[in-house]
């Protein structure tokens, strides 16, 4: 999987980089069909509380997967966004598996009717 990190208004440290790469490796273990990941880390100081915004775009075969979250702690925002992506990947895999089972079942029913 190709990973592209884009920090905006914050310094990308080695700790942040390794944390994001480690979390994305867990997603890669969950689904081996991830082609690339684009991660945008932003620090937003426009409001009274400084917020960190994390946006992730996963390139997969078919429609791409997007997730975004905002939190006062950068690591918490990364964790929340990764949880959202994990849920979306599980949902996508379930849809693909049940769709294949449904098609196989329909084909079996057609063969039985034809006999």
PDB file of N, CA and C in Angstrom:
ATOM      1  N   UNK A   1       0.856  -1.173   0.000  1.00  0.00           N
ATOM      2  CA  UNK A   1       0.000   0.000   0.000  1.00  0.00           C
ATOM      3  C   UNK A   1       0.901   1.234   0.000  1.00  0.00           C
ATOM      4  N   UNK A   2       0.560   2.178  -0.831  1.00  0.00           N
ATOM      5  CA  UNK A   2       1.282   3.444  -0.900  1.00  0.00           C
ATOM      6  C   UNK A   2       0.608   4.431   0.064  1.00  0.00           C
ATOM      7  N   UNK A   3       1.420   5.073   0.918  1.00  0.00           N
ATOM      8  CA  UNK A   3       0.890   6.007   1.909  1.00  0.00           C
ATOM      9  C   UNK A   3       1.447   7.391   1.623  1.00  0.00           C
ATOM     10  N   UNK A   4       0.543   8.382   1.569  1.00  0.00           N
ATOM     11  CA  UNK A   4       0.944   9.765   1.357  1.00  0.00           C
ATOM     12  C   UNK A   4       0.423  10.601   2.521  1.00  0.00           C
ATOM     13  N   UNK A   5       1.318  11.198   3.292  1.00  0.00           N
ATOM     14  CA  UNK A   5       0.953  12.029   4.439  1.00  0.00           C
ATOM     15  C   UNK A   5       1.094  13.498   4.062  1.00  0.00           C
ATOM     16  N   UNK A   6       0.065  14.292   4.369  1.00  0.00           N
ATOM     17  CA  UNK A   6       0.089  15.731   4.099  1.00  0.00           C
ATOM     18  C   UNK A   6      -0.211  16.493   5.380  1.00  0.00           C
ATOM     19  N   UNK A   7       0.797  17.017   6.055  1.00  0.00           N
ATOM     20  CA  UNK A   7       0.523  17.835   7.243  1.00  0.00           C
ATOM     21  C   UNK A   7       0.193  19.262   6.832  1.00  0.00           C
ATOM     22  N   UNK A   8      -0.794  19.848   7.491  1.00  0.00           N
ATOM     23  CA  UNK A   8      -1.161  21.240   7.232  1.00  0.00           C
ATOM     24  C   UNK A   8      -1.156  21.980   8.568  1.00  0.00           C
ATOM     25  N   UNK A   9      -0.346  22.990   8.674  1.00  0.00           N
ATOM     26  CA  UNK A   9      -0.239  23.842   9.855  1.00  0.00           C
ATOM     27  C   UNK A   9       0.261  23.083  11.083  1.00  0.00           C
ATOM     28  N   UNK A  10       1.041  22.043  10.876  1.00  0.00           N
ATOM     29  CA  UNK A  10       1.690  21.341  11.972  1.00  0.00           C
ATOM     30  C   UNK A  10       2.931  20.643  11.445  1.00  0.00           C
ATOM     31  N   UNK A  11       3.858  20.367  12.339  1.00  0.00           N
ATOM     32  CA  UNK A  11       5.098  19.701  11.950  1.00  0.00           C
ATOM     33  C   UNK A  11       4.893  18.193  12.022  1.00  0.00           C
ATOM     34  N   UNK A  12       5.308  17.510  10.978  1.00  0.00           N
ATOM     35  CA  UNK A  12       5.186  16.058  10.933  1.00  0.00           C
ATOM     36  C   UNK A  12       6.420  15.451  11.593  1.00  0.00           C
ATOM     37  N   UNK A  13       6.233  14.899  12.775  1.00  0.00           N
ATOM     38  CA  UNK A  13       7.339  14.286  13.507  1.00  0.00           C
ATOM     39  C   UNK A  13       7.415  12.801  13.158  1.00  0.00           C
ATOM     40  N   UNK A  14       8.516  12.205  13.552  1.00  0.00           N
ATOM     41  CA  UNK A  14       8.687  10.775  13.323  1.00  0.00           C
ATOM     42  C   UNK A  14       7.671   9.951  14.091  1.00  0.00           C
ATOM     43  N   UNK A  15       7.312  10.417  15.289  1.00  0.00           N
ATOM     44  CA  UNK A  15       6.330   9.694  16.106  1.00  0.00           C
ATOM     45  C   UNK A  15       4.956   9.699  15.446  1.00  0.00           C
ATOM     46  N   UNK A  16       4.546  10.851  14.929  1.00  0.00           N
ATOM     47  CA  UNK A  16       3.243  10.942  14.257  1.00  0.00           C
ATOM     48  C   UNK A  16       3.252  10.069  13.003  1.00  0.00           C
ATOM     49  N   UNK A  17       4.323  10.144  12.238  1.00  0.00           N
ATOM     50  CA  UNK A  17       4.448   9.362  11.010  1.00  0.00           C
ATOM     51  C   UNK A  17       4.365   7.866  11.309  1.00  0.00           C
ATOM     52  N   UNK A  18       5.126   7.393  12.287  1.00  0.00           N
ATOM     53  CA  UNK A  18       5.116   5.967  12.595  1.00  0.00           C
ATOM     54  C   UNK A  18       3.759   5.533  13.163  1.00  0.00           C
ATOM     55  N   UNK A  19       3.080   6.408  13.925  1.00  0.00           N
ATOM     56  CA  UNK A  19       1.771   6.085  14.480  1.00  0.00           C
ATOM     57  C   UNK A  19       0.748   5.882  13.364  1.00  0.00           C
ATOM     58  N   UNK A  20       0.744   6.793  12.403  1.00  0.00           N
ATOM     59  CA  UNK A  20      -0.203   6.691  11.285  1.00  0.00           C
ATOM     60  C   UNK A  20       0.104   5.455  10.439  1.00  0.00           C
ATOM     61  N   UNK A  21       1.379   5.208  10.157  1.00  0.00           N
ATOM     62  CA  UNK A  21       1.758   4.053   9.341  1.00  0.00           C
ATOM     63  C   UNK A  21       1.381   2.754  10.045  1.00  0.00           C
ATOM     64  N   UNK A  22       1.586   2.705  11.371  1.00  0.00           N
ATOM     65  CA  UNK A  22       1.228   1.518  12.150  1.00  0.00           C
ATOM     66  C   UNK A  22      -0.282   1.268  12.102  1.00  0.00           C
ATOM     67  N   UNK A  23      -1.076   2.324  12.265  1.00  0.00           N
ATOM     68  CA  UNK A  23      -2.538   2.188  12.220  1.00  0.00           C
ATOM     69  C   UNK A  23      -3.007   1.754  10.833  1.00  0.00           C
ATOM     70  N   UNK A  24      -2.392   2.301   9.778  1.00  0.00           N
ATOM     71  CA  UNK A  24      -2.778   1.913   8.422  1.00  0.00           C
ATOM     72  C   UNK A  24      -2.366   0.469   8.120  1.00  0.00           C
ATOM     73  N   UNK A  25      -1.294   0.001   8.760  1.00  0.00           N
ATOM     74  CA  UNK A  25      -0.883  -1.392   8.577  1.00  0.00           C
ATOM     75  C   UNK A  25      -1.953  -2.337   9.129  1.00  0.00           C
ATOM     76  N   UNK A  26      -2.606  -1.935  10.231  1.00  0.00           N
ATOM     77  CA  UNK A  26      -3.696  -2.750  10.770  1.00  0.00           C
ATOM     78  C   UNK A  26      -4.856  -2.816   9.773  1.00  0.00           C
ATOM     79  N   UNK A  27      -5.143  -1.702   9.104  1.00  0.00           N
ATOM     80  CA  UNK A  27      -6.200  -1.711   8.086  1.00  0.00           C
ATOM     81  C   UNK A  27      -5.802  -2.574   6.893  1.00  0.00           C
ATOM     82  N   UNK A  28      -4.517  -2.541   6.546  1.00  0.00           N
ATOM     83  CA  UNK A  28      -4.030  -3.342   5.431  1.00  0.00           C
ATOM     84  C   UNK A  28      -4.142  -4.828   5.748  1.00  0.00           C
ATOM     85  N   UNK A  29      -3.970  -5.197   7.025  1.00  0.00           N
ATOM     86  CA  UNK A  29      -4.159  -6.589   7.428  1.00  0.00           C
ATOM     87  C   UNK A  29      -5.622  -6.994   7.326  1.00  0.00           C
ATOM     88  N   UNK A  30      -6.510  -6.048   7.564  1.00  0.00           N
ATOM     89  CA  UNK A  30      -7.944  -6.319   7.517  1.00  0.00           C
ATOM     90  C   UNK A  30      -8.423  -6.517   6.074  1.00  0.00           C
ATOM     91  N   UNK A  31      -7.888  -5.727   5.166  1.00  0.00           N
ATOM     92  CA  UNK A  31      -8.278  -5.826   3.760  1.00  0.00           C
ATOM     93  C   UNK A  31      -7.029  -5.680   2.904  1.00  0.00           C
ATOM     94  N   UNK A  32      -6.733  -6.693   2.108  1.00  0.00           N
ATOM     95  CA  UNK A  32      -5.532  -6.659   1.276  1.00  0.00           C
ATOM     96  C   UNK A  32      -5.767  -5.961  -0.058  1.00  0.00           C
ATOM     97  N   UNK A  33      -6.928  -5.381  -0.240  1.00  0.00           N
ATOM     98  CA  UNK A  33      -7.250  -4.736  -1.516  1.00  0.00           C
ATOM     99  C   UNK A  33      -7.020  -3.227  -1.497  1.00  0.00           C
ATOM    100  N   UNK A  34      -6.415  -2.683  -0.447  1.00  0.00           N
ATOM    101  CA  UNK A  34      -6.149  -1.249  -0.369  1.00  0.00           C
ATOM    102  C   UNK A  34      -4.951  -0.936  -1.262  1.00  0.00           C
ATOM    103  N   UNK A  35      -5.145  -0.026  -2.198  1.00  0.00           N
ATOM    104  CA  UNK A  35      -4.084   0.341  -3.130  1.00  0.00           C
ATOM    105  C   UNK A  35      -3.223   1.457  -2.545  1.00  0.00           C
ATOM    106  N   UNK A  36      -3.864   2.505  -2.053  1.00  0.00           N
ATOM    107  CA  UNK A  36      -3.132   3.657  -1.539  1.00  0.00           C
ATOM    108  C   UNK A  36      -3.961   4.358  -0.472  1.00  0.00           C
ATOM    109  N   UNK A  37      -3.270   5.130   0.352  1.00  0.00           N
ATOM    110  CA  UNK A  37      -3.936   5.916   1.389  1.00  0.00           C
ATOM    111  C   UNK A  37      -3.368   7.328   1.358  1.00  0.00           C
ATOM    112  N   UNK A  38      -4.253   8.310   1.351  1.00  0.00           N
ATOM    113  CA  UNK A  38      -3.854   9.715   1.415  1.00  0.00           C
ATOM    114  C   UNK A  38      -4.371  10.257   2.748  1.00  0.00           C
ATOM    115  N   UNK A  39      -3.441  10.674   3.593  1.00  0.00           N
ATOM    116  CA  UNK A  39      -3.775  11.134   4.934  1.00  0.00           C
ATOM    117  C   UNK A  39      -3.461  12.620   5.030  1.00  0.00           C
ATOM    118  N   UNK A  40      -4.458  13.407   5.440  1.00  0.00           N
ATOM    119  CA  UNK A  40      -4.269  14.847   5.635  1.00  0.00           C
ATOM    120  C   UNK A  40      -4.446  15.132   7.123  1.00  0.00           C
ATOM    121  N   UNK A  41      -3.396  15.673   7.740  1.00  0.00           N
ATOM    122  CA  UNK A  41      -3.413  16.045   9.151  1.00  0.00           C
ATOM    123  C   UNK A  41      -3.421  17.568   9.234  1.00  0.00           C
ATOM    124  N   UNK A  42      -4.465  18.138   9.835  1.00  0.00           N
ATOM    125  CA  UNK A  42      -4.583  19.598   9.905  1.00  0.00           C
ATOM    126  C   UNK A  42      -4.727  20.055  11.344  1.00  0.00           C
ATOM    127  N   UNK A  43      -4.133  21.203  11.626  1.00  0.00           N
ATOM    128  CA  UNK A  43      -4.302  21.848  12.926  1.00  0.00           C
ATOM    129  C   UNK A  43      -5.100  23.121  12.684  1.00  0.00           C
ATOM    130  N   UNK A  44      -6.279  23.207  13.294  1.00  0.00           N
ATOM    131  CA  UNK A  44      -7.193  24.324  13.083  1.00  0.00           C
ATOM    132  C   UNK A  44      -7.243  25.161  14.350  1.00  0.00           C
ATOM    133  N   UNK A  45      -6.743  26.387  14.300  1.00  0.00           N
ATOM    134  CA  UNK A  45      -6.734  27.267  15.465  1.00  0.00           C
ATOM    135  C   UNK A  45      -7.762  28.383  15.353  1.00  0.00           C
ATOM    136  N   UNK A  46      -8.697  28.273  14.439  1.00  0.00           N
ATOM    137  CA  UNK A  46      -9.641  29.352  14.197  1.00  0.00           C
ATOM    138  C   UNK A  46     -10.679  29.498  15.311  1.00  0.00           C
ATOM    139  N   UNK A  47     -10.939  28.456  16.046  1.00  0.00           N
ATOM    140  CA  UNK A  47     -11.932  28.520  17.110  1.00  0.00           C
ATOM    141  C   UNK A  47     -11.236  28.701  18.456  1.00  0.00           C
ATOM    142  N   UNK A  48     -12.009  28.802  19.528  1.00  0.00           N
ATOM    143  CA  UNK A  48     -11.428  28.979  20.853  1.00  0.00           C
ATOM    144  C   UNK A  48     -10.544  27.803  21.237  1.00  0.00           C
ATOM    145  N   UNK A  49     -11.011  26.589  20.954  1.00  0.00           N
ATOM    146  CA  UNK A  49     -10.205  25.396  21.194  1.00  0.00           C
ATOM    147  C   UNK A  49      -9.440  25.070  19.921  1.00  0.00           C
ATOM    148  N   UNK A  50      -8.191  24.692  20.084  1.00  0.00           N
ATOM    149  CA  UNK A  50      -7.466  24.260  18.891  1.00  0.00           C
ATOM    150  C   UNK A  50      -7.844  22.816  18.607  1.00  0.00           C
ATOM    151  N   UNK A  51      -8.237  22.556  17.389  1.00  0.00           N
ATOM    152  CA  UNK A  51      -8.687  21.240  16.972  1.00  0.00           C
ATOM    153  C   UNK A  51      -7.730  20.657  15.951  1.00  0.00           C
ATOM    154  N   UNK A  52      -7.664  19.343  15.943  1.00  0.00           N
ATOM    155  CA  UNK A  52      -6.928  18.622  14.924  1.00  0.00           C
ATOM    156  C   UNK A  52      -7.946  17.906  14.059  1.00  0.00           C
ATOM    157  N   UNK A  53      -7.762  18.028  12.766  1.00  0.00           N
ATOM    158  CA  UNK A  53      -8.653  17.387  11.806  1.00  0.00           C
ATOM    159  C   UNK A  53      -7.827  16.365  11.042  1.00  0.00           C
ATOM    160  N   UNK A  54      -8.359  15.149  10.949  1.00  0.00           N
ATOM    161  CA  UNK A  54      -7.694  14.077  10.212  1.00  0.00           C
ATOM    162  C   UNK A  54      -8.649  13.601   9.124  1.00  0.00           C
ATOM    163  N   UNK A  55      -8.183  13.645   7.875  1.00  0.00           N
ATOM    164  CA  UNK A  55      -8.958  13.162   6.733  1.00  0.00           C
ATOM    165  C   UNK A  55      -8.156  12.059   6.066  1.00  0.00           C
ATOM    166  N   UNK A  56      -8.826  10.962   5.779  1.00  0.00           N
ATOM    167  CA  UNK A  56      -8.143   9.847   5.113  1.00  0.00           C
ATOM    168  C   UNK A  56      -8.971   9.401   3.919  1.00  0.00           C
ATOM    169  N   UNK A  57      -8.286   9.187   2.815  1.00  0.00           N
ATOM    170  CA  UNK A  57      -8.887   8.711   1.576  1.00  0.00           C
ATOM    171  C   UNK A  57      -8.181   7.401   1.229  1.00  0.00           C
ATOM    172  N   UNK A  58      -8.935   6.306   1.195  1.00  0.00           N
ATOM    173  CA  UNK A  58      -8.380   5.007   0.815  1.00  0.00           C
ATOM    174  C   UNK A  58      -8.783   4.690  -0.623  1.00  0.00           C
ATOM    175  N   UNK A  59      -7.781   4.410  -1.443  1.00  0.00           N
ATOM    176  CA  UNK A  59      -8.039   4.002  -2.822  1.00  0.00           C
ATOM    177  C   UNK A  59      -8.155   2.483  -2.843  1.00  0.00           C
ATOM    178  N   UNK A  60      -9.326   1.997  -3.207  1.00  0.00           N
ATOM    179  CA  UNK A  60      -9.597   0.569  -3.311  1.00  0.00           C
ATOM    180  C   UNK A  60     -10.291   0.321  -4.643  1.00  0.00           C
ATOM    181  N   UNK A  61     -10.295  -0.926  -5.130  1.00  0.00           N
ATOM    182  CA  UNK A  61     -11.042  -1.207  -6.354  1.00  0.00           C
ATOM    183  C   UNK A  61     -12.518  -0.885  -6.149  1.00  0.00           C
ATOM    184  N   UNK A  62     -13.082  -0.181  -7.071  1.00  0.00           N
ATOM    185  CA  UNK A  62     -14.470   0.257  -6.921  1.00  0.00           C
ATOM    186  C   UNK A  62     -14.493   1.638  -6.295  1.00  0.00           C
ATOM    187  N   UNK A  63     -15.590   1.975  -5.647  1.00  0.00           N
ATOM    188  CA  UNK A  63     -15.677   3.295  -5.010  1.00  0.00           C
ATOM    189  C   UNK A  63     -14.662   3.441  -3.873  1.00  0.00           C
ATOM    190  N   UNK A  64     -14.007   4.595  -3.821  1.00  0.00           N
ATOM    191  CA  UNK A  64     -13.024   4.851  -2.774  1.00  0.00           C
ATOM    192  C   UNK A  64     -13.719   5.083  -1.434  1.00  0.00           C
ATOM    193  N   UNK A  65     -12.935   4.976  -0.363  1.00  0.00           N
ATOM    194  CA  UNK A  65     -13.464   5.135   0.984  1.00  0.00           C
ATOM    195  C   UNK A  65     -12.863   6.388   1.599  1.00  0.00           C
ATOM    196  N   UNK A  66     -13.715   7.213   2.202  1.00  0.00           N
ATOM    197  CA  UNK A  66     -13.290   8.457   2.834  1.00  0.00           C
ATOM    198  C   UNK A  66     -13.756   8.464   4.284  1.00  0.00           C
ATOM    199  N   UNK A  67     -12.946   9.112   5.137  1.00  0.00           N
ATOM    200  CA  UNK A  67     -13.351   9.311   6.528  1.00  0.00           C
ATOM    201  C   UNK A  67     -12.678  10.576   7.044  1.00  0.00           C
ATOM    202  N   UNK A  68     -13.353  11.240   7.969  1.00  0.00           N
ATOM    203  CA  UNK A  68     -12.829  12.485   8.549  1.00  0.00           C
ATOM    204  C   UNK A  68     -13.294  12.560   9.995  1.00  0.00           C
ATOM    205  N   UNK A  69     -12.414  13.079  10.855  1.00  0.00           N
ATOM    206  CA  UNK A  69     -12.802  13.295  12.240  1.00  0.00           C
ATOM    207  C   UNK A  69     -12.017  14.469  12.806  1.00  0.00           C
ATOM    208  N   UNK A  70     -12.575  15.053  13.853  1.00  0.00           N
ATOM    209  CA  UNK A  70     -12.016  16.250  14.474  1.00  0.00           C
ATOM    210  C   UNK A  70     -11.978  16.021  15.982  1.00  0.00           C
ATOM    211  N   UNK A  71     -10.850  16.342  16.603  1.00  0.00           N
ATOM    212  CA  UNK A  71     -10.684  16.132  18.039  1.00  0.00           C
ATOM    213  C   UNK A  71      -9.636  17.115  18.558  1.00  0.00           C
ATOM    214  N   UNK A  72      -9.628  17.322  19.869  1.00  0.00           N
ATOM    215  CA  UNK A  72      -8.644  18.245  20.454  1.00  0.00           C
ATOM    216  C   UNK A  72      -7.263  17.609  20.545  1.00  0.00           C
ATOM    217  N   UNK A  73      -7.183  16.283  20.508  1.00  0.00           N
ATOM    218  CA  UNK A  73      -5.909  15.563  20.539  1.00  0.00           C
ATOM    219  C   UNK A  73      -5.698  14.892  19.184  1.00  0.00           C
ATOM    220  N   UNK A  74      -4.515  15.057  18.621  1.00  0.00           N
ATOM    221  CA  UNK A  74      -4.230  14.518  17.299  1.00  0.00           C
ATOM    222  C   UNK A  74      -4.322  12.994  17.285  1.00  0.00           C
ATOM    223  N   UNK A  75      -3.747  12.348  18.279  1.00  0.00           N
ATOM    224  CA  UNK A  75      -3.752  10.886  18.314  1.00  0.00           C
ATOM    225  C   UNK A  75      -5.173  10.339  18.482  1.00  0.00           C
ATOM    226  N   UNK A  76      -6.001  11.021  19.253  1.00  0.00           N
ATOM    227  CA  UNK A  76      -7.397  10.601  19.414  1.00  0.00           C
ATOM    228  C   UNK A  76      -8.145  10.737  18.087  1.00  0.00           C
ATOM    229  N   UNK A  77      -7.875  11.805  17.353  1.00  0.00           N
ATOM    230  CA  UNK A  77      -8.515  11.998  16.050  1.00  0.00           C
ATOM    231  C   UNK A  77      -8.094  10.902  15.072  1.00  0.00           C
ATOM    232  N   UNK A  78      -6.819  10.529  15.113  1.00  0.00           N
ATOM    233  CA  UNK A  78      -6.336   9.454  14.238  1.00  0.00           C
ATOM    234  C   UNK A  78      -7.029   8.141  14.597  1.00  0.00           C
ATOM    235  N   UNK A  79      -7.133   7.853  15.892  1.00  0.00           N
ATOM    236  CA  UNK A  79      -7.800   6.621  16.328  1.00  0.00           C
ATOM    237  C   UNK A  79      -9.260   6.573  15.872  1.00  0.00           C
ATOM    238  N   UNK A  80      -9.974   7.687  16.033  1.00  0.00           N
ATOM    239  CA  UNK A  80     -11.387   7.723  15.651  1.00  0.00           C
ATOM    240  C   UNK A  80     -11.577   7.525  14.152  1.00  0.00           C
ATOM    241  N   UNK A  81     -10.722   8.158  13.362  1.00  0.00           N
ATOM    242  CA  UNK A  81     -10.827   8.028  11.907  1.00  0.00           C
ATOM    243  C   UNK A  81     -10.495   6.592  11.473  1.00  0.00           C
ATOM    244  N   UNK A  82      -9.518   5.976  12.120  1.00  0.00           N
ATOM    245  CA  UNK A  82      -9.173   4.595  11.777  1.00  0.00           C
ATOM    246  C   UNK A  82     -10.316   3.642  12.131  1.00  0.00           C
ATOM    247  N   UNK A  83     -11.007   3.910  13.242  1.00  0.00           N
ATOM    248  CA  UNK A  83     -12.170   3.091  13.603  1.00  0.00           C
ATOM    249  C   UNK A  83     -13.271   3.213  12.547  1.00  0.00           C
ATOM    250  N   UNK A  84     -13.493   4.439  12.066  1.00  0.00           N
ATOM    251  CA  UNK A  84     -14.496   4.646  11.018  1.00  0.00           C
ATOM    252  C   UNK A  84     -14.124   3.879   9.747  1.00  0.00           C
ATOM    253  N   UNK A  85     -12.846   3.940   9.375  1.00  0.00           N
ATOM    254  CA  UNK A  85     -12.405   3.240   8.173  1.00  0.00           C
ATOM    255  C   UNK A  85     -12.515   1.725   8.340  1.00  0.00           C
ATOM    256  N   UNK A  86     -12.189   1.222   9.519  1.00  0.00           N
ATOM    257  CA  UNK A  86     -12.291  -0.217   9.768  1.00  0.00           C
ATOM    258  C   UNK A  86     -13.741  -0.671   9.624  1.00  0.00           C
ATOM    259  N   UNK A  87     -14.677   0.128  10.147  1.00  0.00           N
ATOM    260  CA  UNK A  87     -16.094  -0.205  10.020  1.00  0.00           C
ATOM    261  C   UNK A  87     -16.517  -0.219   8.555  1.00  0.00           C
ATOM    262  N   UNK A  88     -16.072   0.788   7.804  1.00  0.00           N
ATOM    263  CA  UNK A  88     -16.444   0.868   6.394  1.00  0.00           C
ATOM    264  C   UNK A  88     -15.863  -0.308   5.601  1.00  0.00           C
ATOM    265  N   UNK A  89     -14.626  -0.701   5.917  1.00  0.00           N
ATOM    266  CA  UNK A  89     -14.012  -1.837   5.221  1.00  0.00           C
ATOM    267  C   UNK A  89     -14.733  -3.144   5.554  1.00  0.00           C
ATOM    268  N   UNK A  90     -15.109  -3.335   6.826  1.00  0.00           N
ATOM    269  CA  UNK A  90     -15.856  -4.537   7.208  1.00  0.00           C
ATOM    270  C   UNK A  90     -17.206  -4.576   6.488  1.00  0.00           C
ATOM    271  N   UNK A  91     -17.877  -3.425   6.438  1.00  0.00           N
ATOM    272  CA  UNK A  91     -19.172  -3.345   5.773  1.00  0.00           C
ATOM    273  C   UNK A  91     -19.039  -3.666   4.284  1.00  0.00           C
ATOM    274  N   UNK A  92     -17.989  -3.150   3.669  1.00  0.00           N
ATOM    275  CA  UNK A  92     -17.745  -3.397   2.249  1.00  0.00           C
ATOM    276  C   UNK A  92     -17.472  -4.874   1.987  1.00  0.00           C
ATOM    277  N   UNK A  93     -16.661  -5.491   2.844  1.00  0.00           N
ATOM    278  CA  UNK A  93     -16.331  -6.901   2.671  1.00  0.00           C
ATOM    279  C   UNK A  93     -17.572  -7.772   2.869  1.00  0.00           C
ATOM    280  N   UNK A  94     -18.386  -7.439   3.857  1.00  0.00           N
ATOM    281  CA  UNK A  94     -19.620  -8.189   4.105  1.00  0.00           C
ATOM    282  C   UNK A  94     -20.547  -8.099   2.896  1.00  0.00           C
ATOM    283  N   UNK A  95     -20.656  -6.901   2.328  1.00  0.00           N
ATOM    284  CA  UNK A  95     -21.498  -6.717   1.153  1.00  0.00           C
ATOM    285  C   UNK A  95     -21.009  -7.564  -0.022  1.00  0.00           C
ATOM    286  N   UNK A  96     -19.688  -7.592  -0.226  1.00  0.00           N
ATOM    287  CA  UNK A  96     -19.136  -8.369  -1.331  1.00  0.00           C
ATOM    288  C   UNK A  96     -19.361  -9.861  -1.121  1.00  0.00           C
ATOM    289  N   UNK A  97     -19.135 -10.349   0.099  1.00  0.00           N
ATOM    290  CA  UNK A  97     -19.281 -11.777   0.374  1.00  0.00           C
ATOM    291  C   UNK A  97     -20.735 -12.210   0.256  1.00  0.00           C
ATOM    292  N   UNK A  98     -21.657 -11.435   0.847  1.00  0.00           N
ATOM    293  CA  UNK A  98     -23.069 -11.817   0.767  1.00  0.00           C
ATOM    294  C   UNK A  98     -23.587 -11.704  -0.662  1.00  0.00           C
ATOM    295  N   UNK A  99     -23.073 -10.760  -1.424  1.00  0.00           N
ATOM    296  CA  UNK A  99     -23.472 -10.641  -2.826  1.00  0.00           C
ATOM    297  C   UNK A  99     -23.055 -11.861  -3.625  1.00  0.00           C
ATOM    298  N   UNK A 100     -21.844 -12.358  -3.372  1.00  0.00           N
ATOM    299  CA  UNK A 100     -21.374 -13.552  -4.078  1.00  0.00           C
ATOM    300  C   UNK A 100     -22.194 -14.776  -3.673  1.00  0.00           C
ATOM    301  N   UNK A 101     -22.493 -14.883  -2.370  1.00  0.00           N
ATOM    302  CA  UNK A 101     -23.302 -16.011  -1.907  1.00  0.00           C
ATOM    303  C   UNK A 101     -24.700 -15.953  -2.526  1.00  0.00           C
ATOM    304  N   UNK A 102     -25.255 -14.754  -2.593  1.00  0.00           N
ATOM    305  CA  UNK A 102     -26.596 -14.583  -3.149  1.00  0.00           C
ATOM    306  C   UNK A 102     -26.612 -14.974  -4.627  1.00  0.00           C
ATOM    307  N   UNK A 103     -25.594 -14.564  -5.381  1.00  0.00           N
ATOM    308  CA  UNK A 103     -25.530 -14.912  -6.805  1.00  0.00           C
ATOM    309  C   UNK A 103     -25.378 -16.415  -6.996  1.00  0.00           C
ATOM    310  N   UNK A 104     -24.557 -17.051  -6.158  1.00  0.00           N
ATOM    311  CA  UNK A 104     -24.373 -18.499  -6.259  1.00  0.00           C
ATOM    312  C   UNK A 104     -25.665 -19.230  -5.926  1.00  0.00           C
ATOM    313  N   UNK A 105     -26.370 -18.743  -4.924  1.00  0.00           N
ATOM    314  CA  UNK A 105     -27.637 -19.365  -4.535  1.00  0.00           C
ATOM    315  C   UNK A 105     -28.667 -19.239  -5.658  1.00  0.00           C
ATOM    316  N   UNK A 106     -28.751 -18.078  -6.273  1.00  0.00           N
ATOM    317  CA  UNK A 106     -29.686 -17.868  -7.381  1.00  0.00           C
ATOM    318  C   UNK A 106     -29.347 -18.791  -8.557  1.00  0.00           C
ATOM    319  N   UNK A 107     -28.045 -18.947  -8.852  1.00  0.00           N
ATOM    320  CA  UNK A 107     -27.641 -19.821  -9.953  1.00  0.00           C
ATOM    321  C   UNK A 107     -28.012 -21.274  -9.663  1.00  0.00           C
ATOM    322  N   UNK A 108     -27.848 -21.706  -8.423  1.00  0.00           N
ATOM    323  CA  UNK A 108     -28.221 -23.065  -8.038  1.00  0.00           C
ATOM    324  C   UNK A 108     -29.723 -23.273  -8.189  1.00  0.00           C
ATOM    325  N   UNK A 109     -30.516 -22.296  -7.777  1.00  0.00           N
ATOM    326  CA  UNK A 109     -31.969 -22.390  -7.904  1.00  0.00           C
ATOM    327  C   UNK A 109     -32.390 -22.468  -9.368  1.00  0.00           C
ATOM    328  N   UNK A 110     -31.728 -21.710 -10.232  1.00  0.00           N
ATOM    329  CA  UNK A 110     -32.042 -21.737 -11.659  1.00  0.00           C
ATOM    330  C   UNK A 110     -31.728 -23.107 -12.260  1.00  0.00           C
ATOM    331  N   UNK A 111     -30.599 -23.675 -11.837  1.00  0.00           N
ATOM    332  CA  UNK A 111     -30.213 -24.999 -12.358  1.00  0.00           C
ATOM    333  C   UNK A 111     -31.236 -26.057 -11.912  1.00  0.00           C
ATOM    334  N   UNK A 112     -31.709 -25.966 -10.677  1.00  0.00           N
ATOM    335  CA  UNK A 112     -32.680 -26.942 -10.181  1.00  0.00           C
ATOM    336  C   UNK A 112     -34.003 -26.821 -10.930  1.00  0.00           C
ATOM    337  N   UNK A 113     -34.423 -25.605 -11.228  1.00  0.00           N
ATOM    338  CA  UNK A 113     -35.670 -25.389 -11.960  1.00  0.00           C
ATOM    339  C   UNK A 113     -35.557 -25.886 -13.395  1.00  0.00           C
ATOM    340  N   UNK A 114     -34.371 -25.746 -13.961  1.00  0.00           N
ATOM    341  CA  UNK A 114     -34.153 -26.161 -15.355  1.00  0.00           C
ATOM    342  C   UNK A 114     -34.169 -27.667 -15.536  1.00  0.00           C
ATOM    343  N   UNK A 115     -33.888 -28.400 -14.483  1.00  0.00           N
ATOM    344  CA  UNK A 115     -33.861 -29.871 -14.598  1.00  0.00           C
ATOM    345  C   UNK A 115     -35.195 -30.457 -14.593  1.00  0.00           C
TER     346      UNK A 115
END
